[in-house]
Amino acid sequence: MAQSEFVLEMLNISKEFPGVKALDQVSLRVRPGTVHALLGENGAGKSTLMKCLFGLYKEDAGEIYLDGQKFAIQSAREAMDKGISMIHQELHVNTHRNVMENIWLGRFPKRRLGPVKLVDERTMYQRTKELFDSLNMDIDPWTKVGDMSVSERQLMEIARAVSYHSKVIIMDEPTSSLTENEVAQLFHIIRDLKQRNVAIIYISHKIEEILRISDEVSILRDGKNVGTWKAEELTEDAIISHMVGRDLVDRFPPRENKPSDEVVLRVEGLTSPIPTSFREVSFELRQGEILGIGGLVGAQRTELIEALFGLRRVAKGKVYLKGQEVKIDSPITAKKLGMALLTEERRSTGIFPVLDVLENIAIANIHDYVKPNRLLDDKARKEDAADSVERLQVRTPGLKTLIQDLSGGNQQKVLLGRWLLTEPDIFLLDEPTRGIDVGAKYEFYTIMMELAKQGKSIIFISSEMPELIGMSDRIMVMCEGRLAGFVSREEATQERIMRLATQFMSA
């Protein structure tokens, strides 16, 4: 049999779920030693296709070939044994075990002690150290995973995939939690893997990243193939047009909000009890304003707004709401004062993955549905949840669909719908568009602008500079926990923001 030019071929793959045709005769062909980007809006079918390849789903129709040989994968373990690894967007780690145990889980090296086989920790340590050295990673194999940052866990997952000596490695949003230096390190690893003739299937919503790292690009839309191109033939605008099926002339909606002079929130000298966190931060937020917060990883932006919401302790400083000093010591207090928080990590601190859309929307307002007989008013809950789904255009088969089965953009809309039911005046949005596609981002921007037009005030953290500039009325820049300065919308440029974001780094 002639050697195939493709290491992987997925031909005419179809997959249906109740009420949804996730994949409709989708094909993907990947060459060895290349990076093949897989793009599409949330819900386009990318993750479903990869889960069929990795043995997490069983396709309803179609064929899969590896090195020209037809095969059927029944489990993730079988996929890894055959040379297919997957780095999931939502990390699957055991936080109670150390790094090397996570990497070699299910395949620990053993040594015999009489009739008993024991885990050979010395050998496991040596293998882990050699693996990290080959990837230029500075991670202690003995470190407990629960003590690691999200970006360190991401690098560990990459190392685990490499340890299988895979022919194909699927990387699903691998840079979503990485710093610029770590992204550069990842790209170095990818180039090294290509030289070893490993194929990379690369899923990302960062289009500039795709154009930088990919050899070929396949795009899905609504569970169907749009096409495959050489990366060098594509531009950012062309990719967006293929993904959404239309030209996005403007990346951001028209500015229709008009911030008033009324200050709804004033913060004076807010300081964390942790010396390395935020300190002496002061700012004002006006009615109808979108106040962006920029800064590099480690600027303590998330820590600041979590303190505003009562999730973190404050050593000193004052907070005023509409001129009245308030003490926000818990999220319950913040909610009662008319505040809402969309957290940075929606999977771990936002959604309740095993609950349906109805429960996830209604849960923040649950006490309002308790009738005098202490039973829940289920009719009112369903009506409010249905109104939220319609208003925010959440794409879901129904209220009883598990939220974990929705795309990232639709999960984020559900979380926003949850808070809208509490009728807040101030929204704290921490990286609200992370991990969602350009079409869903535009929809979310439109919702933000509509809220601001209604007089709601928004604090908006984003690490994407064009997004920060495109959506903010003013931008507050932080550097290493301190306020570096403010930039007006008219004066905002990436260079000006970056200068402020690095202002104290040499101090």
Protein backbone atom coordinates (compact mmCIF):
# COMPACT_ATOMS: atom_id res chain seq x y z
CA MET A 1 0.00 0.00 0.00
CA ALA A 2 1.38 3.42 -0.99
CA GLN A 3 2.48 5.70 1.84
CA SER A 4 -0.08 8.47 2.42
CA GLU A 5 1.13 12.08 2.30
CA PHE A 6 -1.10 12.71 5.31
CA VAL A 7 -0.39 11.46 8.83
CA LEU A 8 -4.08 11.95 9.65
CA GLU A 9 -7.24 11.89 7.55
CA MET A 10 -10.73 12.41 8.96
CA LEU A 11 -13.19 11.85 6.14
CA ASN A 12 -16.89 12.84 6.08
CA ILE A 13 -17.28 12.85 9.87
CA SER A 14 -20.84 13.44 11.13
CA LYS A 15 -22.05 13.73 14.72
CA GLU A 16 -25.49 14.54 16.11
CA PHE A 17 -26.67 15.43 19.60
CA PRO A 18 -30.32 15.83 20.61
CA GLY A 19 -31.57 18.84 18.68
CA VAL A 20 -28.15 19.69 17.21
CA LYS A 21 -26.19 18.43 14.19
CA ALA A 22 -22.69 19.26 15.45
CA LEU A 23 -20.77 17.87 12.44
CA ASP A 24 -22.05 17.39 8.91
CA GLN A 25 -19.62 15.40 6.72
CA VAL A 26 -16.54 17.27 7.90
CA SER A 27 -13.13 16.27 6.51
CA LEU A 28 -9.67 17.18 7.79
CA ARG A 29 -6.31 16.13 6.32
CA VAL A 30 -3.09 16.85 8.19
CA ARG A 31 0.48 16.46 6.89
CA PRO A 32 3.32 15.28 9.16
CA GLY A 33 5.70 17.93 10.45
CA THR A 34 3.20 20.78 9.98
CA VAL A 35 0.99 23.01 12.09
CA HIS A 36 -2.58 22.73 10.85
CA ALA A 37 -4.84 25.40 12.36
CA LEU A 38 -8.50 24.57 12.90
CA LEU A 39 -10.69 27.67 13.09
CA GLY A 40 -14.35 28.53 13.42
CA GLU A 41 -16.76 30.37 15.65
CA ASN A 42 -17.78 28.85 18.96
CA GLY A 43 -20.23 26.08 18.10
CA ALA A 44 -18.72 25.56 14.63
CA GLY A 45 -17.75 21.97 15.53
CA LYS A 46 -14.00 22.22 16.19
CA SER A 47 -14.04 20.68 19.66
CA THR A 48 -16.55 18.00 18.65
CA LEU A 49 -14.35 16.96 15.72
CA MET A 50 -11.28 16.73 17.97
CA LYS A 51 -13.20 14.77 20.60
CA CYS A 52 -14.16 12.25 17.91
CA LEU A 53 -10.48 11.94 17.01
CA PHE A 54 -9.43 11.60 20.66
CA GLY A 55 -12.02 8.93 21.51
CA LEU A 56 -14.19 11.11 23.77
CA TYR A 57 -17.07 10.98 21.27
CA LYS A 58 -18.02 8.28 18.78
CA GLU A 59 -18.76 9.71 15.35
CA ASP A 60 -22.10 8.71 13.76
CA ALA A 61 -20.57 8.44 10.29
CA GLY A 62 -17.22 8.85 8.57
CA GLU A 63 -13.75 7.29 8.64
CA ILE A 64 -10.44 8.12 10.34
CA TYR A 65 -7.01 7.10 9.01
CA LEU A 66 -3.65 7.36 10.78
CA ASP A 67 -0.59 6.88 8.55
CA GLY A 68 -2.92 5.56 5.86
CA GLN A 69 -4.39 2.87 8.14
CA LYS A 70 -8.09 3.01 9.00
CA PHE A 71 -8.77 2.85 12.72
CA ALA A 72 -11.54 3.39 15.26
CA ILE A 73 -10.76 4.97 18.63
CA GLN A 74 -12.81 3.80 21.59
CA SER A 75 -11.17 5.82 24.38
CA ALA A 76 -8.69 8.60 25.07
CA ARG A 77 -6.19 6.06 26.41
CA GLU A 78 -6.38 4.13 23.14
CA ALA A 79 -5.86 7.37 21.18
CA MET A 80 -2.73 8.17 23.19
CA ASP A 81 -1.42 4.64 22.75
CA LYS A 82 -1.83 5.03 18.97
CA GLY A 83 0.08 8.33 18.96
CA ILE A 84 -2.58 11.04 19.36
CA SER A 85 -2.36 13.49 22.28
CA MET A 86 -4.65 16.38 23.21
CA ILE A 87 -4.02 19.47 25.30
CA HIS A 88 -7.48 20.58 26.38
CA GLN A 89 -8.51 24.22 26.75
CA GLU A 90 -9.92 23.36 30.18
CA LEU A 91 -6.97 21.72 31.89
CA HIS A 92 -7.44 18.19 33.22
CA VAL A 93 -5.02 18.00 36.13
CA ASN A 94 -4.94 16.44 39.58
CA THR A 95 -4.20 19.41 41.81
CA HIS A 96 -3.51 17.21 44.85
CA ARG A 97 -0.57 15.37 43.22
CA ASN A 98 2.83 16.60 42.11
CA VAL A 99 3.97 17.43 38.59
CA MET A 100 5.67 14.15 37.70
CA GLU A 101 2.71 12.10 38.97
CA ASN A 102 0.41 14.12 36.70
CA ILE A 103 2.67 13.58 33.69
CA TRP A 104 3.10 9.82 34.10
CA LEU A 105 -0.37 9.03 35.52
CA GLY A 106 -1.44 5.57 34.42
CA ARG A 107 2.07 4.63 33.28
CA PHE A 108 4.25 5.04 36.36
CA PRO A 109 7.69 3.38 36.12
CA LYS A 110 7.81 0.43 38.54
CA ARG A 111 10.50 -1.38 40.47
CA ARG A 112 10.18 -4.78 42.08
CA LEU A 113 10.61 -5.25 45.82
CA GLY A 114 10.32 -9.00 46.33
CA PRO A 115 6.89 -10.07 45.03
CA VAL A 116 5.57 -6.48 45.08
CA LYS A 117 5.87 -3.79 42.37
CA LEU A 118 6.32 -0.24 43.65
CA VAL A 119 6.32 3.11 41.89
CA ASP A 120 9.92 4.00 41.05
CA GLU A 121 9.96 7.68 42.02
CA ARG A 122 13.65 8.13 41.27
CA THR A 123 13.22 6.97 37.67
CA MET A 124 10.03 9.02 37.32
CA TYR A 125 11.86 12.13 38.53
CA GLN A 126 14.76 11.55 36.12
CA ARG A 127 12.42 11.04 33.15
CA THR A 128 10.46 14.19 34.06
CA LYS A 129 13.62 16.25 34.45
CA GLU A 130 14.93 15.03 31.09
CA LEU A 131 11.58 15.86 29.47
CA PHE A 132 11.57 19.40 30.89
CA ASP A 133 15.22 19.94 29.94
CA SER A 134 14.49 18.90 26.35
CA LEU A 135 11.65 21.47 26.25
CA ASN A 136 13.62 24.16 28.09
CA MET A 137 11.04 24.25 30.90
CA ASP A 138 12.06 25.31 34.40
CA ILE A 139 9.56 23.34 36.51
CA ASP A 140 10.37 21.28 39.61
CA PRO A 141 8.92 17.75 39.15
CA TRP A 142 8.15 17.60 42.88
CA THR A 143 5.94 20.72 42.83
CA LYS A 144 2.33 20.14 43.90
CA VAL A 145 0.11 21.08 40.94
CA GLY A 146 -2.33 22.91 43.23
CA ASP A 147 0.46 25.38 44.04
CA MET A 148 1.17 26.18 40.38
CA SER A 149 -0.19 29.07 38.32
CA VAL A 150 -2.56 28.40 35.42
CA SER A 151 0.21 29.13 32.91
CA GLU A 152 2.59 26.68 34.64
CA ARG A 153 -0.09 23.99 34.54
CA GLN A 154 -0.56 24.71 30.83
CA LEU A 155 3.15 24.15 30.18
CA MET A 156 3.01 20.93 32.21
CA GLU A 157 0.14 19.70 30.05
CA ILE A 158 2.16 20.45 26.92
CA ALA A 159 5.06 18.45 28.34
CA ARG A 160 2.74 15.55 29.14
CA ALA A 161 1.49 15.46 25.53
CA VAL A 162 5.07 15.46 24.24
CA SER A 163 5.97 12.60 26.61
CA TYR A 164 3.74 10.22 24.65
CA HIS A 165 5.98 10.58 21.57
CA SER A 166 2.84 11.37 19.63
CA LYS A 167 2.47 11.55 15.87
CA VAL A 168 -0.35 14.09 16.23
CA ILE A 169 -0.78 16.61 19.06
CA ILE A 170 -4.04 18.56 19.35
CA MET A 171 -3.56 21.96 21.04
CA ASP A 172 -6.87 23.59 22.01
CA GLU A 173 -6.30 27.27 22.91
CA PRO A 174 -2.80 26.48 24.27
CA THR A 175 -1.83 30.14 24.80
CA SER A 176 -5.03 31.33 26.52
CA SER A 177 -3.29 31.52 29.91
CA LEU A 178 0.33 32.09 28.86
CA THR A 179 2.46 35.20 29.14
CA GLU A 180 4.30 36.58 26.08
CA ASN A 181 7.52 34.87 27.15
CA GLU A 182 5.69 31.57 27.66
CA VAL A 183 4.02 31.91 24.24
CA ALA A 184 7.46 32.37 22.69
CA GLN A 185 8.61 29.25 24.55
CA LEU A 186 5.59 27.30 23.27
CA PHE A 187 6.31 28.35 19.68
CA HIS A 188 9.91 27.20 20.11
CA ILE A 189 8.60 23.82 21.30
CA ILE A 190 6.26 23.62 18.30
CA ARG A 191 9.12 24.32 15.89
CA ASP A 192 11.13 21.56 17.57
CA LEU A 193 8.19 19.13 17.28
CA LYS A 194 7.84 19.93 13.58
CA GLN A 195 11.50 19.01 13.08
CA ARG A 196 10.67 15.66 14.74
CA ASN A 197 7.94 15.22 12.07
CA VAL A 198 5.13 15.62 14.64
CA ALA A 199 1.88 17.12 13.31
CA ILE A 200 0.15 19.81 15.38
CA ILE A 201 -3.58 20.54 15.13
CA TYR A 202 -3.78 24.07 16.53
CA ILE A 203 -7.06 25.61 17.71
CA SER A 204 -7.03 29.28 18.69
CA HIS A 205 -9.16 32.41 18.44
CA LYS A 206 -6.04 34.56 18.20
CA ILE A 207 -5.85 35.05 14.46
CA GLU A 208 -2.52 36.88 14.46
CA GLU A 209 -1.11 33.84 16.29
CA ILE A 210 -2.56 31.49 13.65
CA LEU A 211 -0.94 33.42 10.80
CA ARG A 212 2.37 33.40 12.66
CA ILE A 213 2.63 29.70 13.52
CA SER A 214 0.53 27.73 11.00
CA ASP A 215 1.34 26.03 7.71
CA GLU A 216 -2.26 25.28 6.73
CA VAL A 217 -5.63 26.52 7.96
CA SER A 218 -9.00 24.72 7.87
CA ILE A 219 -12.16 26.64 8.77
CA LEU A 220 -15.49 25.21 9.94
CA ARG A 221 -18.84 26.99 10.09
CA ASP A 222 -22.08 25.55 11.50
CA GLY A 223 -20.61 22.04 11.59
CA LYS A 224 -19.49 22.05 7.94
CA ASN A 225 -16.24 22.56 6.03
CA VAL A 226 -15.69 26.05 4.65
CA GLY A 227 -12.29 25.23 3.18
CA THR A 228 -8.56 24.66 3.69
CA TRP A 229 -5.87 27.16 2.69
CA LYS A 230 -2.12 27.61 3.00
CA ALA A 231 -1.62 30.07 5.86
CA GLU A 232 0.49 32.36 3.67
CA GLU A 233 -2.52 32.85 1.36
CA LEU A 234 -4.72 34.26 4.14
CA THR A 235 -5.12 37.61 5.88
CA GLU A 236 -6.79 38.37 9.18
CA ASP A 237 -9.80 39.92 7.43
CA ALA A 238 -10.13 36.92 5.09
CA ILE A 239 -10.11 34.49 8.02
CA ILE A 240 -12.80 36.47 9.87
CA SER A 241 -14.94 36.61 6.75
CA HIS A 242 -14.66 32.83 6.21
CA MET A 243 -15.43 32.14 9.88
CA VAL A 244 -18.55 34.28 10.25
CA GLY A 245 -19.79 34.02 6.66
CA ARG A 246 -19.85 37.79 6.25
CA ASP A 247 -17.48 40.73 6.26
CA LEU A 248 -17.04 42.43 9.62
CA VAL A 249 -16.39 45.96 8.44
CA ASP A 250 -16.03 47.15 12.03
CA ARG A 251 -14.61 44.98 14.79
CA PHE A 252 -16.53 46.98 17.42
CA PRO A 253 -20.08 48.35 17.53
CA PRO A 254 -20.74 52.11 17.14
CA ARG A 255 -20.17 54.16 20.28
CA GLU A 256 -23.64 55.21 21.39
CA ASN A 257 -23.13 55.54 25.14
CA LYS A 258 -22.60 58.98 26.62
CA PRO A 259 -21.01 58.83 30.09
CA SER A 260 -22.45 61.43 32.44
CA ASP A 261 -20.56 63.55 34.96
CA GLU A 262 -22.14 61.63 37.84
CA VAL A 263 -19.57 59.52 39.70
CA VAL A 264 -21.18 56.23 40.72
CA LEU A 265 -18.03 54.62 42.17
CA ARG A 266 -15.02 56.28 43.78
CA VAL A 267 -12.06 54.31 45.07
CA GLU A 268 -9.40 55.95 47.25
CA GLY A 269 -6.05 54.37 48.08
CA LEU A 270 -7.23 50.76 47.93
CA THR A 271 -4.42 48.53 49.18
CA SER A 272 -4.12 44.75 49.57
CA PRO A 273 -2.71 43.19 52.76
CA ILE A 274 -0.38 41.21 50.46
CA PRO A 275 2.74 43.32 49.80
CA THR A 276 3.14 42.10 46.21
CA SER A 277 -0.49 42.83 45.27
CA PHE A 278 -2.30 46.11 44.47
CA ARG A 279 -1.56 49.21 46.54
CA GLU A 280 -2.71 52.83 46.74
CA VAL A 281 -5.10 52.52 43.78
CA SER A 282 -7.53 55.41 43.30
CA PHE A 283 -10.01 56.01 40.47
CA GLU A 284 -13.55 57.08 39.61
CA LEU A 285 -16.24 55.41 37.50
CA ARG A 286 -19.01 57.50 35.95
CA GLN A 287 -22.57 56.55 35.06
CA GLY A 288 -22.78 55.03 31.58
CA GLU A 289 -19.01 54.70 31.30
CA ILE A 290 -16.92 51.75 30.14
CA LEU A 291 -13.66 52.03 32.08
CA GLY A 292 -11.02 49.68 30.71
CA ILE A 293 -8.19 48.35 32.85
CA GLY A 294 -5.00 47.50 30.99
CA GLY A 295 -1.70 46.04 32.10
CA LEU A 296 0.57 43.05 31.70
CA VAL A 297 0.22 39.68 33.45
CA GLY A 298 0.95 40.28 37.13
CA ALA A 299 -0.39 43.85 37.13
CA GLN A 300 -2.94 42.79 39.82
CA ARG A 301 -5.99 43.88 37.81
CA THR A 302 -8.02 40.78 38.69
CA GLU A 303 -7.04 41.04 42.34
CA LEU A 304 -8.22 44.66 42.41
CA ILE A 305 -11.73 44.05 41.09
CA GLU A 306 -12.11 40.88 43.16
CA ALA A 307 -11.37 43.05 46.21
CA LEU A 308 -14.02 45.52 45.01
CA PHE A 309 -16.48 42.64 44.88
CA GLY A 310 -15.60 41.42 48.37
CA LEU A 311 -13.69 38.33 47.29
CA ARG A 312 -10.36 39.58 48.68
CA ARG A 313 -9.43 41.40 51.87
CA VAL A 314 -8.34 45.02 51.84
CA ALA A 315 -5.75 46.45 54.24
CA LYS A 316 -6.74 50.08 53.74
CA GLY A 317 -8.56 52.39 51.39
CA LYS A 318 -12.09 53.65 50.94
CA VAL A 319 -14.88 52.86 48.48
CA TYR A 320 -17.78 55.23 47.80
CA LEU A 321 -20.97 54.33 45.92
CA LYS A 322 -22.89 57.41 44.75
CA GLY A 323 -21.10 59.49 47.35
CA GLN A 324 -21.71 57.17 50.29
CA GLU A 325 -18.82 55.26 51.84
CA VAL A 326 -19.42 51.51 51.83
CA LYS A 327 -17.60 48.50 53.23
CA ILE A 328 -17.75 45.56 50.82
CA ASP A 329 -16.72 42.52 52.86
CA SER A 330 -18.34 39.78 50.77
CA PRO A 331 -19.88 39.12 47.34
CA ILE A 332 -23.31 39.07 49.05
CA THR A 333 -22.73 42.65 50.17
CA ALA A 334 -21.49 43.64 46.71
CA LYS A 335 -24.57 42.11 45.10
CA LYS A 336 -26.89 43.96 47.49
CA LEU A 337 -25.11 47.20 46.60
CA GLY A 338 -25.84 46.65 42.89
CA MET A 339 -22.59 45.14 41.65
CA ALA A 340 -21.99 42.11 39.42
CA LEU A 341 -18.78 40.22 38.56
CA LEU A 342 -17.95 38.07 35.54
CA THR A 343 -14.81 36.21 36.60
CA GLU A 344 -11.73 35.58 34.45
CA GLU A 345 -12.06 31.78 34.55
CA ARG A 346 -15.69 31.02 33.70
CA ARG A 347 -15.16 27.24 33.85
CA SER A 348 -13.70 27.13 37.34
CA THR A 349 -15.32 30.15 39.01
CA GLY A 350 -18.33 31.04 36.84
CA ILE A 351 -20.53 28.26 35.57
CA PHE A 352 -21.93 25.26 37.41
CA PRO A 353 -21.03 22.74 34.68
CA VAL A 354 -23.27 19.89 35.87
CA LEU A 355 -26.35 22.16 36.04
CA ASP A 356 -28.52 23.22 33.11
CA VAL A 357 -28.97 26.67 31.58
CA LEU A 358 -32.05 27.37 33.71
CA GLU A 359 -30.26 26.72 37.01
CA ASN A 360 -27.17 28.66 35.96
CA ILE A 361 -29.21 31.75 35.06
CA ALA A 362 -31.55 31.72 38.06
CA ILE A 363 -29.09 30.86 40.82
CA ALA A 364 -27.92 34.39 41.71
CA ASN A 365 -31.54 35.49 42.13
CA ILE A 366 -32.76 32.32 43.82
CA HIS A 367 -34.21 34.01 46.94
CA ASP A 368 -36.60 36.08 44.80
CA TYR A 369 -38.24 32.87 43.61
CA VAL A 370 -39.07 31.51 47.06
CA LYS A 371 -42.84 31.62 47.64
CA PRO A 372 -44.43 32.16 51.10
CA ASN A 373 -44.79 28.38 51.46
CA ARG A 374 -40.98 28.16 50.96
CA LEU A 375 -41.32 26.35 47.64
CA LEU A 376 -39.66 27.66 44.49
CA ASP A 377 -41.77 29.53 41.95
CA ASP A 378 -40.60 27.41 39.04
CA LYS A 379 -42.83 29.20 36.54
CA ALA A 380 -41.26 32.57 37.33
CA ARG A 381 -37.75 31.08 37.13
CA LYS A 382 -38.40 29.59 33.72
CA GLU A 383 -39.96 32.80 32.41
CA ASP A 384 -37.04 34.93 33.57
CA ALA A 385 -34.48 32.45 32.21
CA ALA A 386 -36.29 32.25 28.85
CA ASP A 387 -36.39 36.05 28.66
CA SER A 388 -32.63 36.20 29.31
CA VAL A 389 -31.91 33.57 26.66
CA GLU A 390 -33.99 35.48 24.12
CA ARG A 391 -32.65 38.91 25.06
CA LEU A 392 -29.01 37.83 24.93
CA GLN A 393 -29.53 35.50 21.94
CA VAL A 394 -28.06 32.49 23.74
CA ARG A 395 -27.78 29.63 21.27
CA THR A 396 -28.98 26.59 23.18
CA PRO A 397 -31.33 23.68 22.38
CA GLY A 398 -33.28 24.58 25.53
CA LEU A 399 -33.21 25.65 29.17
CA LYS A 400 -32.57 22.05 30.25
CA THR A 401 -29.33 21.80 28.25
CA LEU A 402 -26.26 21.40 30.48
CA ILE A 403 -24.27 24.62 30.37
CA GLN A 404 -21.03 22.65 29.88
CA ASP A 405 -22.39 21.57 26.48
CA LEU A 406 -22.64 25.17 25.24
CA SER A 407 -19.88 27.05 23.44
CA GLY A 408 -17.73 29.48 25.42
CA GLY A 409 -19.50 32.53 24.04
CA ASN A 410 -22.92 31.18 24.95
CA GLN A 411 -21.74 30.20 28.43
CA GLN A 412 -20.58 33.79 28.93
CA LYS A 413 -23.98 35.10 27.82
CA VAL A 414 -25.68 32.81 30.36
CA LEU A 415 -23.44 34.19 33.12
CA LEU A 416 -24.27 37.74 32.06
CA GLY A 417 -27.96 36.81 32.03
CA ARG A 418 -27.58 35.51 35.58
CA TRP A 419 -26.36 38.89 36.77
CA LEU A 420 -28.85 40.92 34.75
CA LEU A 421 -31.63 39.33 36.80
CA THR A 422 -30.14 40.94 39.92
CA GLU A 423 -30.51 44.37 38.23
CA PRO A 424 -27.00 45.69 38.98
CA ASP A 425 -25.78 49.21 38.29
CA ILE A 426 -22.07 48.33 38.07
CA PHE A 427 -20.60 45.45 36.06
CA LEU A 428 -17.08 44.16 36.72
CA LEU A 429 -16.02 42.22 33.62
CA ASP A 430 -12.72 40.32 33.87
CA GLU A 431 -11.48 39.18 30.42
CA PRO A 432 -15.11 38.58 29.33
CA THR A 433 -14.24 37.62 25.72
CA ARG A 434 -11.32 35.28 26.48
CA GLY A 435 -11.66 32.05 24.51
CA ILE A 436 -14.63 33.14 22.38
CA ASP A 437 -14.60 33.77 18.64
CA VAL A 438 -14.82 37.02 16.70
CA GLY A 439 -18.54 36.72 15.96
CA ALA A 440 -19.43 36.00 19.60
CA LYS A 441 -17.09 38.79 20.70
CA TYR A 442 -18.98 41.31 18.56
CA GLU A 443 -22.26 40.15 20.08
CA PHE A 444 -20.80 40.58 23.57
CA TYR A 445 -19.46 44.05 22.70
CA THR A 446 -22.94 45.01 21.49
CA ILE A 447 -24.44 43.89 24.80
CA MET A 448 -21.83 45.91 26.71
CA MET A 449 -22.59 49.01 24.65
CA GLU A 450 -26.33 48.56 25.17
CA LEU A 451 -25.84 48.31 28.94
CA ALA A 452 -23.74 51.48 28.93
CA LYS A 453 -26.42 53.27 26.87
CA GLN A 454 -28.94 52.31 29.57
CA GLY A 455 -26.77 54.08 32.15
CA LYS A 456 -25.04 51.01 33.56
CA SER A 457 -21.37 51.47 34.44
CA ILE A 458 -18.74 48.92 33.43
CA ILE A 459 -15.20 48.15 34.56
CA PHE A 460 -13.64 46.08 31.81
CA ILE A 461 -10.35 44.15 32.09
CA SER A 462 -8.81 42.97 28.83
CA SER A 463 -5.36 41.77 27.79
CA GLU A 464 -6.22 42.29 24.11
CA MET A 465 -5.04 45.79 23.28
CA PRO A 466 -7.31 46.41 20.24
CA GLU A 467 -10.33 45.32 22.32
CA LEU A 468 -9.33 47.57 25.22
CA ILE A 469 -8.93 50.58 22.93
CA GLY A 470 -12.00 49.76 20.83
CA MET A 471 -14.45 49.42 23.73
CA SER A 472 -13.27 51.74 26.51
CA ASP A 473 -14.22 55.36 27.15
CA ARG A 474 -11.13 55.68 29.35
CA ILE A 475 -8.34 53.23 30.11
CA MET A 476 -6.73 52.86 33.53
CA VAL A 477 -3.32 51.20 33.23
CA MET A 478 -1.75 49.22 36.07
CA CYS A 479 1.83 48.04 36.51
CA GLU A 480 2.95 45.66 39.25
CA GLY A 481 0.00 46.50 41.49
CA ARG A 482 0.21 50.26 41.13
CA LEU A 483 -1.79 52.74 39.13
CA ALA A 484 0.41 53.87 36.24
CA GLY A 485 -1.99 56.36 34.68
CA PHE A 486 -5.11 57.03 32.64
CA VAL A 487 -5.52 57.32 28.88
CA SER A 488 -8.54 58.89 27.21
CA ARG A 489 -10.26 57.18 24.30
CA GLU A 490 -9.02 59.89 21.92
CA GLU A 491 -5.39 59.49 23.02
CA ALA A 492 -5.32 55.70 23.37
CA THR A 493 -2.65 53.88 21.37
CA GLN A 494 -0.98 50.55 21.98
CA GLU A 495 2.38 52.28 22.42
CA ARG A 496 1.07 54.72 25.04
CA ILE A 497 -0.63 51.96 27.01
CA MET A 498 2.45 49.71 26.85
CA ARG A 499 4.69 52.50 28.13
CA LEU A 500 2.44 52.92 31.16
CA ALA A 501 2.13 49.14 31.64
CA THR A 502 5.93 48.87 32.03
CA GLN A 503 6.44 52.15 33.86
CA PHE A 504 7.55 50.76 37.23
CA MET A 505 9.30 47.61 36.09
CA SER A 506 12.79 49.04 36.36
CA ALA A 507 12.02 50.88 39.60
